[in-house]
Amino acid sequence: MADVRVICAIGQSGQLGLDGQLPWEGARERAFVEDVERFFEITQGHVLIAGPKTTASFPDFVRRTRTIVEIRRSDDPQNILARFADRVVYVGGGPAVWDVYAPFVRHWDINRMPYDGPADRWFKPEWLVAVGAQR
């Protein structure tokens, strides 16, 4: 089975998204810029799986240094992950994807951002203890 991980950023109250993007999207403060840089550094050379909206948002340089896999709701997570049995796989895309893949995640890398504003998507603590037929 693949070594499945998530790297994500959340606001002070667990905020994940607002209107289909990060609530702090475009923020220029150093903490936000460093978080994006860290994501690209850590995921380099690995597999990134995500839904169509997320994969469409990746800049070209990301595609050159990672294996990008666009997943759909109809995909069986075990089949997707089995394709990368000896690789590190990062699961992107937020709540809809993490609801399905959380039982397979071995490591959650969560960075708390200096944001405490509005959101319409939130981090679910139950993802951290999701149990399934992953191993």
N, C-alpha and C. Protein backbone atom coordinates (compact mmCIF):
# COMPACT_ATOMS: atom_id res chain seq x y z
N MET A 1 0.85 -1.19 0.00
CA MET A 1 0.00 0.00 0.00
C MET A 1 0.88 1.24 0.00
N ALA A 2 0.43 2.25 -0.67
CA ALA A 2 1.16 3.52 -0.72
C ALA A 2 1.28 4.14 0.67
N ASP A 3 2.27 4.99 0.83
CA ASP A 3 2.45 5.78 2.05
C ASP A 3 1.62 7.04 1.84
N VAL A 4 0.41 7.06 2.38
CA VAL A 4 -0.56 8.12 2.10
C VAL A 4 -0.47 9.22 3.15
N ARG A 5 -0.37 10.46 2.67
CA ARG A 5 -0.21 11.61 3.54
C ARG A 5 -1.08 12.77 3.07
N VAL A 6 -1.30 13.69 3.99
CA VAL A 6 -1.97 14.95 3.65
C VAL A 6 -1.12 16.07 4.22
N ILE A 7 -0.93 17.11 3.44
CA ILE A 7 -0.32 18.34 3.93
C ILE A 7 -1.34 19.44 3.68
N CYS A 8 -1.70 20.14 4.74
CA CYS A 8 -2.73 21.17 4.58
C CYS A 8 -2.49 22.32 5.55
N ALA A 9 -3.15 23.41 5.27
CA ALA A 9 -3.11 24.58 6.14
C ALA A 9 -4.53 24.86 6.60
N ILE A 10 -4.65 25.25 7.86
CA ILE A 10 -5.96 25.60 8.41
C ILE A 10 -5.84 26.94 9.13
N GLY A 11 -6.97 27.63 9.23
CA GLY A 11 -7.01 28.87 9.99
C GLY A 11 -7.04 28.59 11.48
N GLN A 12 -7.06 29.62 12.27
CA GLN A 12 -7.03 29.51 13.73
C GLN A 12 -8.21 28.72 14.29
N SER A 13 -9.33 28.73 13.58
CA SER A 13 -10.51 27.99 14.04
C SER A 13 -10.81 26.77 13.16
N GLY A 14 -9.82 26.34 12.37
CA GLY A 14 -9.99 25.17 11.52
C GLY A 14 -10.50 25.49 10.13
N GLN A 15 -10.47 26.74 9.73
CA GLN A 15 -10.95 27.11 8.40
C GLN A 15 -10.07 26.48 7.31
N LEU A 16 -10.76 25.97 6.27
CA LEU A 16 -10.07 25.36 5.14
C LEU A 16 -10.36 26.07 3.82
N GLY A 17 -11.58 26.51 3.64
CA GLY A 17 -11.94 27.05 2.35
C GLY A 17 -13.01 28.12 2.43
N LEU A 18 -13.07 28.92 1.37
CA LEU A 18 -14.09 29.95 1.23
C LEU A 18 -14.30 30.18 -0.26
N ASP A 19 -15.52 29.94 -0.71
CA ASP A 19 -15.86 30.14 -2.12
C ASP A 19 -14.94 29.37 -3.07
N GLY A 20 -14.59 28.14 -2.70
CA GLY A 20 -13.81 27.29 -3.59
C GLY A 20 -12.30 27.52 -3.59
N GLN A 21 -11.80 28.27 -2.65
CA GLN A 21 -10.35 28.46 -2.54
C GLN A 21 -9.96 28.62 -1.08
N LEU A 22 -8.66 28.74 -0.82
CA LEU A 22 -8.22 28.98 0.54
C LEU A 22 -8.75 30.34 0.99
N PRO A 23 -9.21 30.46 2.23
CA PRO A 23 -9.74 31.74 2.69
C PRO A 23 -8.73 32.88 2.60
N TRP A 24 -7.45 32.56 2.67
CA TRP A 24 -6.38 33.56 2.64
C TRP A 24 -5.72 33.63 1.28
N GLU A 25 -6.36 33.06 0.25
CA GLU A 25 -5.80 33.04 -1.10
C GLU A 25 -5.31 34.43 -1.52
N GLY A 26 -4.07 34.49 -1.98
CA GLY A 26 -3.49 35.75 -2.44
C GLY A 26 -2.85 36.59 -1.35
N ALA A 27 -2.95 36.16 -0.08
CA ALA A 27 -2.33 36.93 1.01
C ALA A 27 -0.82 36.97 0.81
N ARG A 28 -0.22 38.11 1.01
CA ARG A 28 1.21 38.30 0.77
C ARG A 28 2.07 38.24 2.03
N GLU A 29 1.43 38.12 3.19
CA GLU A 29 2.22 38.05 4.42
C GLU A 29 3.11 36.81 4.38
N ARG A 30 4.27 36.92 5.00
CA ARG A 30 5.30 35.87 4.92
C ARG A 30 4.77 34.49 5.33
N ALA A 31 3.96 34.41 6.37
CA ALA A 31 3.46 33.10 6.83
C ALA A 31 2.70 32.37 5.73
N PHE A 32 1.94 33.10 4.94
CA PHE A 32 1.14 32.48 3.88
C PHE A 32 2.02 32.07 2.70
N VAL A 33 2.97 32.92 2.35
CA VAL A 33 3.90 32.61 1.27
C VAL A 33 4.75 31.40 1.64
N GLU A 34 5.25 31.36 2.87
CA GLU A 34 6.06 30.23 3.33
C GLU A 34 5.27 28.93 3.31
N ASP A 35 3.98 28.99 3.62
CA ASP A 35 3.17 27.78 3.61
C ASP A 35 3.08 27.19 2.21
N VAL A 36 2.86 28.03 1.22
CA VAL A 36 2.79 27.57 -0.18
C VAL A 36 4.14 27.00 -0.60
N GLU A 37 5.21 27.71 -0.29
CA GLU A 37 6.55 27.23 -0.63
C GLU A 37 6.82 25.87 0.01
N ARG A 38 6.42 25.72 1.25
CA ARG A 38 6.63 24.47 1.99
C ARG A 38 5.85 23.32 1.33
N PHE A 39 4.61 23.58 0.93
CA PHE A 39 3.80 22.57 0.24
C PHE A 39 4.53 22.08 -1.01
N PHE A 40 5.00 23.01 -1.83
CA PHE A 40 5.66 22.63 -3.07
C PHE A 40 6.99 21.92 -2.81
N GLU A 41 7.69 22.31 -1.76
CA GLU A 41 8.95 21.65 -1.43
C GLU A 41 8.72 20.21 -0.96
N ILE A 42 7.79 20.03 -0.04
CA ILE A 42 7.55 18.71 0.55
C ILE A 42 6.98 17.71 -0.45
N THR A 43 6.12 18.17 -1.35
CA THR A 43 5.48 17.25 -2.29
C THR A 43 6.32 16.94 -3.52
N GLN A 44 7.42 17.64 -3.70
CA GLN A 44 8.27 17.44 -4.87
C GLN A 44 8.74 15.99 -4.96
N GLY A 45 8.62 15.41 -6.15
CA GLY A 45 9.06 14.05 -6.39
C GLY A 45 8.06 12.98 -6.00
N HIS A 46 6.94 13.39 -5.46
CA HIS A 46 5.94 12.43 -4.99
C HIS A 46 4.69 12.46 -5.88
N VAL A 47 3.71 11.69 -5.49
CA VAL A 47 2.42 11.64 -6.19
C VAL A 47 1.46 12.59 -5.49
N LEU A 48 0.74 13.38 -6.27
CA LEU A 48 -0.33 14.22 -5.75
C LEU A 48 -1.63 13.77 -6.39
N ILE A 49 -2.59 13.36 -5.57
CA ILE A 49 -3.91 13.03 -6.10
C ILE A 49 -4.89 14.08 -5.60
N ALA A 50 -5.78 14.50 -6.48
CA ALA A 50 -6.75 15.53 -6.13
C ALA A 50 -7.85 15.55 -7.19
N GLY A 51 -8.91 16.23 -6.86
CA GLY A 51 -10.01 16.40 -7.79
C GLY A 51 -9.66 17.36 -8.91
N PRO A 52 -10.56 17.47 -9.89
CA PRO A 52 -10.29 18.29 -11.07
C PRO A 52 -10.01 19.77 -10.78
N LYS A 53 -10.75 20.37 -9.85
CA LYS A 53 -10.52 21.79 -9.55
C LYS A 53 -9.12 22.02 -8.99
N THR A 54 -8.71 21.16 -8.08
CA THR A 54 -7.40 21.31 -7.47
C THR A 54 -6.30 21.06 -8.48
N THR A 55 -6.40 19.98 -9.25
CA THR A 55 -5.33 19.70 -10.21
C THR A 55 -5.24 20.80 -11.27
N ALA A 56 -6.36 21.39 -11.64
CA ALA A 56 -6.34 22.49 -12.62
C ALA A 56 -5.62 23.73 -12.07
N SER A 57 -5.58 23.86 -10.75
CA SER A 57 -4.95 25.04 -10.14
C SER A 57 -3.43 24.92 -10.02
N PHE A 58 -2.86 23.73 -10.27
CA PHE A 58 -1.42 23.56 -10.12
C PHE A 58 -0.67 24.27 -11.24
N PRO A 59 0.35 25.07 -10.89
CA PRO A 59 1.18 25.70 -11.92
C PRO A 59 1.96 24.64 -12.70
N ASP A 60 2.43 25.01 -13.88
CA ASP A 60 3.15 24.07 -14.74
C ASP A 60 4.35 23.42 -14.06
N PHE A 61 5.12 24.20 -13.26
CA PHE A 61 6.32 23.63 -12.65
C PHE A 61 5.97 22.47 -11.72
N VAL A 62 4.78 22.49 -11.13
CA VAL A 62 4.36 21.40 -10.24
C VAL A 62 4.22 20.10 -11.03
N ARG A 63 3.71 20.21 -12.21
CA ARG A 63 3.48 19.03 -13.07
C ARG A 63 4.79 18.39 -13.53
N ARG A 64 5.85 19.17 -13.60
CA ARG A 64 7.14 18.63 -14.05
C ARG A 64 7.87 17.86 -12.97
N THR A 65 7.55 18.13 -11.70
CA THR A 65 8.34 17.53 -10.62
C THR A 65 7.52 16.63 -9.69
N ARG A 66 6.31 16.29 -10.11
CA ARG A 66 5.44 15.41 -9.34
C ARG A 66 4.61 14.57 -10.29
N THR A 67 4.09 13.46 -9.80
CA THR A 67 3.10 12.69 -10.56
C THR A 67 1.73 13.20 -10.12
N ILE A 68 1.01 13.83 -11.03
CA ILE A 68 -0.31 14.39 -10.72
C ILE A 68 -1.38 13.42 -11.22
N VAL A 69 -2.29 13.06 -10.32
CA VAL A 69 -3.37 12.15 -10.68
C VAL A 69 -4.70 12.82 -10.34
N GLU A 70 -5.51 13.02 -11.36
CA GLU A 70 -6.83 13.61 -11.16
C GLU A 70 -7.81 12.49 -10.81
N ILE A 71 -8.44 12.63 -9.66
CA ILE A 71 -9.37 11.59 -9.21
C ILE A 71 -10.80 12.08 -9.33
N ARG A 72 -11.71 11.14 -9.39
CA ARG A 72 -13.15 11.42 -9.50
C ARG A 72 -13.89 10.69 -8.39
N ARG A 73 -15.10 11.12 -8.13
CA ARG A 73 -15.93 10.47 -7.10
C ARG A 73 -16.15 8.99 -7.38
N SER A 74 -16.22 8.63 -8.63
CA SER A 74 -16.47 7.24 -9.00
C SER A 74 -15.25 6.34 -8.82
N ASP A 75 -14.08 6.91 -8.59
CA ASP A 75 -12.86 6.12 -8.43
C ASP A 75 -12.86 5.39 -7.08
N ASP A 76 -12.36 4.18 -7.08
CA ASP A 76 -12.18 3.41 -5.85
C ASP A 76 -10.83 3.80 -5.25
N PRO A 77 -10.82 4.38 -4.03
CA PRO A 77 -9.55 4.80 -3.43
C PRO A 77 -8.50 3.70 -3.36
N GLN A 78 -8.92 2.48 -3.05
CA GLN A 78 -7.94 1.39 -2.96
C GLN A 78 -7.29 1.12 -4.30
N ASN A 79 -8.06 1.22 -5.37
CA ASN A 79 -7.49 1.01 -6.71
C ASN A 79 -6.51 2.13 -7.08
N ILE A 80 -6.88 3.35 -6.76
CA ILE A 80 -5.99 4.49 -7.04
C ILE A 80 -4.69 4.32 -6.27
N LEU A 81 -4.78 4.07 -4.98
CA LEU A 81 -3.58 3.96 -4.14
C LEU A 81 -2.73 2.74 -4.50
N ALA A 82 -3.36 1.65 -4.94
CA ALA A 82 -2.63 0.44 -5.32
C ALA A 82 -1.69 0.70 -6.50
N ARG A 83 -2.01 1.68 -7.31
CA ARG A 83 -1.15 2.03 -8.46
C ARG A 83 0.19 2.60 -8.01
N PHE A 84 0.27 3.03 -6.76
CA PHE A 84 1.47 3.69 -6.25
C PHE A 84 1.97 3.02 -4.97
N ALA A 85 1.99 1.71 -4.98
CA ALA A 85 2.28 0.91 -3.78
C ALA A 85 3.58 1.28 -3.08
N ASP A 86 4.60 1.65 -3.82
CA ASP A 86 5.89 1.95 -3.22
C ASP A 86 6.23 3.44 -3.23
N ARG A 87 5.20 4.28 -3.30
CA ARG A 87 5.42 5.73 -3.41
C ARG A 87 4.75 6.45 -2.25
N VAL A 88 5.18 7.68 -2.04
CA VAL A 88 4.50 8.59 -1.12
C VAL A 88 3.41 9.29 -1.95
N VAL A 89 2.19 9.23 -1.44
CA VAL A 89 1.05 9.84 -2.13
C VAL A 89 0.46 10.91 -1.22
N TYR A 90 0.40 12.14 -1.72
CA TYR A 90 -0.25 13.24 -1.00
C TYR A 90 -1.65 13.41 -1.56
N VAL A 91 -2.61 13.48 -0.66
CA VAL A 91 -4.01 13.63 -1.03
C VAL A 91 -4.39 15.09 -0.87
N GLY A 92 -4.74 15.73 -1.98
CA GLY A 92 -5.15 17.12 -1.96
C GLY A 92 -6.62 17.26 -2.31
N GLY A 93 -7.11 18.45 -2.18
CA GLY A 93 -8.46 18.69 -2.66
C GLY A 93 -9.47 19.05 -1.60
N GLY A 94 -9.14 18.90 -0.35
CA GLY A 94 -10.05 19.34 0.70
C GLY A 94 -11.08 18.33 1.15
N PRO A 95 -12.13 18.82 1.81
CA PRO A 95 -13.08 17.96 2.52
C PRO A 95 -13.71 16.83 1.71
N ALA A 96 -14.15 17.08 0.50
CA ALA A 96 -14.80 16.01 -0.27
C ALA A 96 -13.86 14.83 -0.52
N VAL A 97 -12.60 15.14 -0.79
CA VAL A 97 -11.61 14.09 -1.04
C VAL A 97 -11.19 13.44 0.27
N TRP A 98 -10.94 14.25 1.30
CA TRP A 98 -10.48 13.71 2.57
C TRP A 98 -11.54 12.87 3.26
N ASP A 99 -12.82 13.15 3.01
CA ASP A 99 -13.88 12.29 3.55
C ASP A 99 -13.70 10.85 3.06
N VAL A 100 -13.24 10.69 1.84
CA VAL A 100 -13.07 9.36 1.24
C VAL A 100 -11.71 8.75 1.56
N TYR A 101 -10.66 9.55 1.54
CA TYR A 101 -9.30 9.03 1.68
C TYR A 101 -8.76 9.00 3.11
N ALA A 102 -9.42 9.66 4.05
CA ALA A 102 -8.93 9.72 5.44
C ALA A 102 -8.60 8.35 6.03
N PRO A 103 -9.38 7.31 5.77
CA PRO A 103 -9.04 6.01 6.37
C PRO A 103 -7.69 5.44 5.91
N PHE A 104 -7.15 5.98 4.82
CA PHE A 104 -5.89 5.48 4.27
C PHE A 104 -4.69 6.34 4.66
N VAL A 105 -4.95 7.51 5.24
CA VAL A 105 -3.88 8.47 5.53
C VAL A 105 -3.08 8.03 6.75
N ARG A 106 -1.77 7.95 6.56
CA ARG A 106 -0.85 7.58 7.63
C ARG A 106 -0.35 8.81 8.38
N HIS A 107 -0.20 9.92 7.67
CA HIS A 107 0.38 11.12 8.28
C HIS A 107 -0.36 12.37 7.83
N TRP A 108 -0.79 13.17 8.80
CA TRP A 108 -1.41 14.48 8.55
C TRP A 108 -0.40 15.55 8.95
N ASP A 109 -0.02 16.39 8.01
CA ASP A 109 0.88 17.52 8.25
C ASP A 109 0.02 18.77 8.17
N ILE A 110 -0.31 19.34 9.34
CA ILE A 110 -1.25 20.45 9.41
C ILE A 110 -0.53 21.70 9.89
N ASN A 111 -0.61 22.74 9.11
CA ASN A 111 0.02 24.01 9.44
C ASN A 111 -1.08 25.02 9.81
N ARG A 112 -1.04 25.53 11.02
CA ARG A 112 -2.05 26.51 11.46
C ARG A 112 -1.61 27.90 11.01
N MET A 113 -2.48 28.55 10.25
CA MET A 113 -2.19 29.85 9.68
C MET A 113 -2.72 30.99 10.56
N PRO A 114 -2.15 32.18 10.43
CA PRO A 114 -2.62 33.33 11.20
C PRO A 114 -3.86 33.96 10.56
N TYR A 115 -4.88 33.15 10.39
CA TYR A 115 -6.14 33.60 9.76
C TYR A 115 -7.28 33.22 10.69
N ASP A 116 -8.16 34.15 10.96
CA ASP A 116 -9.32 33.83 11.78
C ASP A 116 -10.58 34.52 11.25
N GLY A 117 -10.72 34.49 9.93
CA GLY A 117 -11.86 35.11 9.28
C GLY A 117 -12.89 34.09 8.82
N PRO A 118 -13.75 34.50 7.90
CA PRO A 118 -14.84 33.63 7.43
C PRO A 118 -14.34 32.43 6.64
N ALA A 119 -15.19 31.41 6.59
CA ALA A 119 -14.92 30.20 5.82
C ALA A 119 -16.24 29.48 5.57
N ASP A 120 -16.24 28.62 4.57
CA ASP A 120 -17.39 27.75 4.35
C ASP A 120 -16.99 26.28 4.31
N ARG A 121 -15.70 26.00 4.53
CA ARG A 121 -15.18 24.64 4.66
C ARG A 121 -14.27 24.61 5.88
N TRP A 122 -14.39 23.52 6.66
CA TRP A 122 -13.67 23.42 7.92
C TRP A 122 -12.96 22.08 8.02
N PHE A 123 -11.85 22.06 8.75
CA PHE A 123 -11.14 20.82 9.03
C PHE A 123 -11.98 19.98 9.98
N LYS A 124 -12.09 18.68 9.69
CA LYS A 124 -12.86 17.77 10.54
C LYS A 124 -11.89 16.92 11.37
N PRO A 125 -11.87 17.10 12.68
CA PRO A 125 -10.97 16.30 13.52
C PRO A 125 -11.15 14.79 13.35
N GLU A 126 -12.35 14.36 12.99
CA GLU A 126 -12.58 12.91 12.83
C GLU A 126 -11.75 12.32 11.70
N TRP A 127 -11.26 13.12 10.77
CA TRP A 127 -10.37 12.59 9.73
C TRP A 127 -9.12 12.00 10.35
N LEU A 128 -8.66 12.58 11.46
CA LEU A 128 -7.43 12.13 12.08
C LEU A 128 -7.52 10.74 12.67
N VAL A 129 -8.72 10.30 12.96
CA VAL A 129 -8.91 8.98 13.57
C VAL A 129 -9.78 8.07 12.72
N ALA A 130 -9.94 8.41 11.44
CA ALA A 130 -10.74 7.57 10.54
C ALA A 130 -10.13 6.18 10.47
N VAL A 131 -10.97 5.19 10.54
CA VAL A 131 -10.53 3.80 10.51
C VAL A 131 -11.25 3.10 9.37
N GLY A 132 -10.49 2.38 8.58
CA GLY A 132 -11.09 1.67 7.46
C GLY A 132 -10.28 0.43 7.13
N ALA A 133 -10.50 -0.08 5.96
CA ALA A 133 -9.82 -1.30 5.51
C ALA A 133 -8.55 -0.93 4.75
N GLN A 134 -7.82 0.06 5.26
CA GLN A 134 -6.68 0.57 4.55
C GLN A 134 -5.44 -0.33 4.58
N ARG A 135 -5.26 -1.18 5.54
CA ARG A 135 -4.02 -1.95 5.60
C ARG A 135 -4.29 -3.42 5.79
